[in-house]
Amino acid sequence: MASEFTHLDPLGRARMVDVTQKDPSHRRAIARCRVYMEPATASKIASGAISKGDVLAVARVAGIQAAKQTANMLPLCHPLLVGSVFVNFRLEERHVEVETQVETVDRTGVEMEALHACAIAALTIYDMCKSVDRAMTMGDLALWEKTGGRSGVYRRPGRDGDEFAL
């Protein structure tokens, strides 16, 4: 029962999964989320009228930093040499969509790095804009794609009109 979960030892105690016997391979993960807001807030982001500065530039850097620090925040996550991080945004009338892509050549995947980067970029958008819109919400955080490793390729089924590429 407890042995079905890779992060539990035979006695049900938390452990870090042993990946030392695995061969390094190229791995990539893409995550997405949204920050929902009032149209006036999105308009201010677009026009550069947020008093704290360039919201999306700061959120991009925050996301990159988050990807590199994932193992420091998630106790059972392996520290990885992150090869690349892309953080992109799509600004819509009532939300900002955040998309992150993380790549590495390592023994374990970068799904958590992509999700962490996405969440922190979204939180940064909230932080930068909270003085004009405290009612913002963040949601829809999900892994959209992963490649590499034993489990191969995973792609979340898309919703029509919901895709955007890096």
C-alpha atoms as a PDB file:
ATOM      1  CA  MET A   1       0.000   0.000   0.000  1.00  0.00           C
ATOM      2  CA  ALA A   2       2.545   2.649   1.099  1.00  0.00           C
ATOM      3  CA  SER A   3       5.061   1.180  -1.374  1.00  0.00           C
ATOM      4  CA  GLU A   4       2.830   2.368  -4.282  1.00  0.00           C
ATOM      5  CA  PHE A   5       4.035   5.901  -3.591  1.00  0.00           C
ATOM      6  CA  THR A   6       7.636   6.507  -4.617  1.00  0.00           C
ATOM      7  CA  HIS A   7       8.192   9.169  -1.949  1.00  0.00           C
ATOM      8  CA  LEU A   8       7.343   6.763   0.889  1.00  0.00           C
ATOM      9  CA  ASP A   9       9.594   4.052   2.273  1.00  0.00           C
ATOM     10  CA  PRO A  10       8.180   0.583   3.121  1.00  0.00           C
ATOM     11  CA  LEU A  11       7.135   1.901   6.554  1.00  0.00           C
ATOM     12  CA  GLY A  12       5.247   4.840   5.059  1.00  0.00           C
ATOM     13  CA  ARG A  13       7.834   7.486   5.960  1.00  0.00           C
ATOM     14  CA  ALA A  14       8.721  10.303   3.576  1.00  0.00           C
ATOM     15  CA  ARG A  15      11.912   9.807   1.603  1.00  0.00           C
ATOM     16  CA  MET A  16      13.666  11.253  -1.388  1.00  0.00           C
ATOM     17  CA  VAL A  17      13.450   8.900  -4.362  1.00  0.00           C
ATOM     18  CA  ASP A  18      16.789   7.318  -5.315  1.00  0.00           C
ATOM     19  CA  VAL A  19      17.575   8.312  -8.902  1.00  0.00           C
ATOM     20  CA  THR A  20      21.276   7.425  -8.845  1.00  0.00           C
ATOM     21  CA  GLN A  21      20.814   4.383 -11.119  1.00  0.00           C
ATOM     22  CA  LYS A  22      18.924   6.324 -13.789  1.00  0.00           C
ATOM     23  CA  ASP A  23      20.684   7.651 -16.865  1.00  0.00           C
ATOM     24  CA  PRO A  24      20.520  11.396 -17.490  1.00  0.00           C
ATOM     25  CA  SER A  25      18.292  12.357 -20.416  1.00  0.00           C
ATOM     26  CA  HIS A  26      16.872  15.516 -21.938  1.00  0.00           C
ATOM     27  CA  ARG A  27      13.701  16.524 -20.117  1.00  0.00           C
ATOM     28  CA  ARG A  28      11.265  19.372 -20.639  1.00  0.00           C
ATOM     29  CA  ALA A  29       8.103  20.504 -18.873  1.00  0.00           C
ATOM     30  CA  ILE A  30       5.548  23.192 -19.667  1.00  0.00           C
ATOM     31  CA  ALA A  31       3.130  24.582 -17.069  1.00  0.00           C
ATOM     32  CA  ARG A  32       0.396  27.197 -17.278  1.00  0.00           C
ATOM     33  CA  CYS A  33      -1.801  29.203 -14.953  1.00  0.00           C
ATOM     34  CA  ARG A  34      -3.911  32.340 -14.982  1.00  0.00           C
ATOM     35  CA  VAL A  35      -4.186  35.472 -12.903  1.00  0.00           C
ATOM     36  CA  TYR A  36      -7.764  36.730 -13.087  1.00  0.00           C
ATOM     37  CA  MET A  37      -8.323  40.469 -12.692  1.00  0.00           C
ATOM     38  CA  GLU A  38     -10.522  43.415 -13.509  1.00  0.00           C
ATOM     39  CA  PRO A  39     -10.249  44.695 -17.098  1.00  0.00           C
ATOM     40  CA  ALA A  40      -8.876  48.003 -15.788  1.00  0.00           C
ATOM     41  CA  THR A  41      -5.993  46.141 -14.143  1.00  0.00           C
ATOM     42  CA  ALA A  42      -5.115  44.288 -17.344  1.00  0.00           C
ATOM     43  CA  SER A  43      -5.258  47.594 -19.196  1.00  0.00           C
ATOM     44  CA  LYS A  44      -2.850  49.185 -16.705  1.00  0.00           C
ATOM     45  CA  ILE A  45      -0.440  46.266 -17.096  1.00  0.00           C
ATOM     46  CA  ALA A  46      -0.589  46.642 -20.886  1.00  0.00           C
ATOM     47  CA  SER A  47       0.033  50.395 -20.791  1.00  0.00           C
ATOM     48  CA  GLY A  48       2.773  50.259 -18.151  1.00  0.00           C
ATOM     49  CA  ALA A  49       0.641  52.217 -15.670  1.00  0.00           C
ATOM     50  CA  ILE A  50       1.274  50.031 -12.601  1.00  0.00           C
ATOM     51  CA  SER A  51       3.219  52.151 -10.110  1.00  0.00           C
ATOM     52  CA  LYS A  52       5.605  49.336  -9.083  1.00  0.00           C
ATOM     53  CA  GLY A  53       6.974  49.094 -12.616  1.00  0.00           C
ATOM     54  CA  ASP A  54       6.980  46.633 -15.514  1.00  0.00           C
ATOM     55  CA  VAL A  55       4.782  43.871 -14.106  1.00  0.00           C
ATOM     56  CA  LEU A  56       5.527  41.202 -16.674  1.00  0.00           C
ATOM     57  CA  ALA A  57       9.288  41.833 -16.711  1.00  0.00           C
ATOM     58  CA  VAL A  58       9.480  41.434 -12.935  1.00  0.00           C
ATOM     59  CA  ALA A  59       7.197  38.372 -13.010  1.00  0.00           C
ATOM     60  CA  ARG A  60       9.406  36.803 -15.706  1.00  0.00           C
ATOM     61  CA  VAL A  61      12.536  37.182 -13.578  1.00  0.00           C
ATOM     62  CA  ALA A  62      10.675  35.877 -10.504  1.00  0.00           C
ATOM     63  CA  GLY A  63       9.586  32.797 -12.448  1.00  0.00           C
ATOM     64  CA  ILE A  64      13.121  32.109 -13.641  1.00  0.00           C
ATOM     65  CA  GLN A  65      14.450  32.443 -10.095  1.00  0.00           C
ATOM     66  CA  ALA A  66      11.705  30.169  -8.790  1.00  0.00           C
ATOM     67  CA  ALA A  67      12.567  27.402 -11.262  1.00  0.00           C
ATOM     68  CA  LYS A  68      16.179  27.478 -10.054  1.00  0.00           C
ATOM     69  CA  GLN A  69      15.130  27.361  -6.376  1.00  0.00           C
ATOM     70  CA  THR A  70      12.458  24.650  -6.523  1.00  0.00           C
ATOM     71  CA  ALA A  71      14.379  22.069  -4.487  1.00  0.00           C
ATOM     72  CA  ASN A  72      14.772  24.641  -1.694  1.00  0.00           C
ATOM     73  CA  MET A  73      10.993  25.008  -1.408  1.00  0.00           C
ATOM     74  CA  LEU A  74       9.756  21.439  -1.985  1.00  0.00           C
ATOM     75  CA  PRO A  75      11.400  19.101   0.518  1.00  0.00           C
ATOM     76  CA  LEU A  76      11.448  15.892  -1.566  1.00  0.00           C
ATOM     77  CA  CYS A  77      12.351  17.537  -4.876  1.00  0.00           C
ATOM     78  CA  HIS A  78      15.825  16.801  -6.276  1.00  0.00           C
ATOM     79  CA  PRO A  79      18.155  19.741  -6.909  1.00  0.00           C
ATOM     80  CA  LEU A  80      18.635  19.902 -10.673  1.00  0.00           C
ATOM     81  CA  LEU A  81      20.916  21.742 -13.018  1.00  0.00           C
ATOM     82  CA  VAL A  82      18.268  23.752 -14.840  1.00  0.00           C
ATOM     83  CA  GLY A  83      19.391  24.220 -18.433  1.00  0.00           C
ATOM     84  CA  SER A  84      16.832  26.783 -19.546  1.00  0.00           C
ATOM     85  CA  VAL A  85      13.725  28.565 -18.329  1.00  0.00           C
ATOM     86  CA  PHE A  86      11.259  30.501 -20.454  1.00  0.00           C
ATOM     87  CA  VAL A  87       8.441  32.497 -18.876  1.00  0.00           C
ATOM     88  CA  ASN A  88       5.882  34.004 -21.222  1.00  0.00           C
ATOM     89  CA  PHE A  89       2.582  35.789 -20.847  1.00  0.00           C
ATOM     90  CA  ARG A  90      -0.598  36.320 -22.784  1.00  0.00           C
ATOM     91  CA  LEU A  91      -2.502  39.369 -21.617  1.00  0.00           C
ATOM     92  CA  GLU A  92      -6.254  39.113 -22.116  1.00  0.00           C
ATOM     93  CA  GLU A  93      -9.091  41.443 -21.097  1.00  0.00           C
ATOM     94  CA  ARG A  94      -9.737  39.713 -17.733  1.00  0.00           C
ATOM     95  CA  HIS A  95      -6.616  37.649 -17.068  1.00  0.00           C
ATOM     96  CA  VAL A  96      -2.943  37.119 -17.674  1.00  0.00           C
ATOM     97  CA  GLU A  97      -1.997  33.630 -18.767  1.00  0.00           C
ATOM     98  CA  VAL A  98       1.425  32.547 -17.568  1.00  0.00           C
ATOM     99  CA  GLU A  99       3.333  29.807 -19.381  1.00  0.00           C
ATOM    100  CA  THR A 100       6.662  28.413 -18.259  1.00  0.00           C
ATOM    101  CA  GLN A 101       8.985  25.979 -19.968  1.00  0.00           C
ATOM    102  CA  VAL A 102      11.919  24.389 -18.148  1.00  0.00           C
ATOM    103  CA  GLU A 103      14.557  22.079 -19.627  1.00  0.00           C
ATOM    104  CA  THR A 104      17.401  20.010 -18.240  1.00  0.00           C
ATOM    105  CA  VAL A 105      19.563  16.997 -18.939  1.00  0.00           C
ATOM    106  CA  ASP A 106      19.296  15.049 -15.699  1.00  0.00           C
ATOM    107  CA  ARG A 107      18.017  11.894 -13.973  1.00  0.00           C
ATOM    108  CA  THR A 108      14.599  13.275 -13.030  1.00  0.00           C
ATOM    109  CA  GLY A 109      12.060  15.571 -14.614  1.00  0.00           C
ATOM    110  CA  VAL A 110      11.441  19.298 -14.322  1.00  0.00           C
ATOM    111  CA  GLU A 111       7.669  19.261 -13.856  1.00  0.00           C
ATOM    112  CA  MET A 112       7.913  20.775 -10.380  1.00  0.00           C
ATOM    113  CA  GLU A 113      10.321  23.458 -11.593  1.00  0.00           C
ATOM    114  CA  ALA A 114       7.881  24.495 -14.334  1.00  0.00           C
ATOM    115  CA  LEU A 115       4.901  24.499 -11.948  1.00  0.00           C
ATOM    116  CA  HIS A 116       6.833  26.401  -9.265  1.00  0.00           C
ATOM    117  CA  ALA A 117       8.012  28.990 -11.801  1.00  0.00           C
ATOM    118  CA  CYS A 118       4.448  29.444 -13.046  1.00  0.00           C
ATOM    119  CA  ALA A 119       3.006  29.877  -9.547  1.00  0.00           C
ATOM    120  CA  ILE A 120       5.666  32.368  -8.465  1.00  0.00           C
ATOM    121  CA  ALA A 121       5.294  34.405 -11.659  1.00  0.00           C
ATOM    122  CA  ALA A 122       1.538  34.565 -10.959  1.00  0.00           C
ATOM    123  CA  LEU A 123       2.113  35.583  -7.340  1.00  0.00           C
ATOM    124  CA  THR A 124       4.472  38.297  -8.542  1.00  0.00           C
ATOM    125  CA  ILE A 125       1.795  39.674 -10.871  1.00  0.00           C
ATOM    126  CA  TYR A 126      -0.568  39.779  -7.890  1.00  0.00           C
ATOM    127  CA  ASP A 127       2.052  41.507  -5.734  1.00  0.00           C
ATOM    128  CA  MET A 128       2.813  44.103  -8.389  1.00  0.00           C
ATOM    129  CA  CYS A 129      -0.885  44.877  -8.995  1.00  0.00           C
ATOM    130  CA  LYS A 130      -2.519  44.446  -5.580  1.00  0.00           C
ATOM    131  CA  SER A 131      -2.650  48.189  -4.934  1.00  0.00           C
ATOM    132  CA  VAL A 132      -5.149  48.562  -7.798  1.00  0.00           C
ATOM    133  CA  ASP A 133      -6.971  45.199  -7.613  1.00  0.00           C
ATOM    134  CA  ARG A 134      -6.988  43.182  -4.396  1.00  0.00           C
ATOM    135  CA  ALA A 135      -9.737  40.925  -5.767  1.00  0.00           C
ATOM    136  CA  MET A 136      -7.392  39.217  -8.255  1.00  0.00           C
ATOM    137  CA  THR A 137      -7.327  35.437  -8.093  1.00  0.00           C
ATOM    138  CA  MET A 138      -4.898  32.862  -9.396  1.00  0.00           C
ATOM    139  CA  GLY A 139      -5.990  29.539 -10.797  1.00  0.00           C
ATOM    140  CA  ASP A 140      -5.787  26.837 -13.406  1.00  0.00           C
ATOM    141  CA  LEU A 141      -2.211  25.892 -12.481  1.00  0.00           C
ATOM    142  CA  ALA A 142      -1.438  22.713 -14.388  1.00  0.00           C
ATOM    143  CA  LEU A 143       1.245  20.723 -16.129  1.00  0.00           C
ATOM    144  CA  TRP A 144       0.588  20.993 -19.869  1.00  0.00           C
ATOM    145  CA  GLU A 145       3.425  18.919 -21.243  1.00  0.00           C
ATOM    146  CA  LYS A 146       6.417  16.871 -20.186  1.00  0.00           C
ATOM    147  CA  THR A 147       8.952  14.978 -22.236  1.00  0.00           C
ATOM    148  CA  GLY A 148      11.830  12.680 -21.382  1.00  0.00           C
ATOM    149  CA  GLY A 149      12.392   9.989 -18.810  1.00  0.00           C
ATOM    150  CA  ARG A 150      10.900   6.524 -18.531  1.00  0.00           C
ATOM    151  CA  SER A 151       7.294   7.687 -18.671  1.00  0.00           C
ATOM    152  CA  GLY A 152       7.850   9.431 -22.019  1.00  0.00           C
ATOM    153  CA  VAL A 153       5.626  12.195 -23.325  1.00  0.00           C
ATOM    154  CA  TYR A 154       2.589  13.644 -21.568  1.00  0.00           C
ATOM    155  CA  ARG A 155       0.391  16.314 -23.138  1.00  0.00           C
ATOM    156  CA  ARG A 156      -2.688  17.713 -21.429  1.00  0.00           C
ATOM    157  CA  PRO A 157      -5.660  17.600 -23.752  1.00  0.00           C
ATOM    158  CA  GLY A 158      -6.190  21.196 -24.938  1.00  0.00           C
ATOM    159  CA  ARG A 159      -9.400  23.135 -24.984  1.00  0.00           C
ATOM    160  CA  ASP A 160     -10.226  24.806 -28.287  1.00  0.00           C
ATOM    161  CA  GLY A 161      -8.821  28.305 -28.404  1.00  0.00           C
ATOM    162  CA  ASP A 162      -6.931  27.776 -25.154  1.00  0.00           C
ATOM    163  CA  GLU A 163      -3.503  27.048 -26.593  1.00  0.00           C
ATOM    164  CA  PHE A 164      -0.643  29.455 -26.867  1.00  0.00           C
ATOM    165  CA  ALA A 165       2.944  28.732 -27.705  1.00  0.00           C
ATOM    166  CA  LEU A 166       6.216  30.049 -26.426  1.00  0.00           C
END
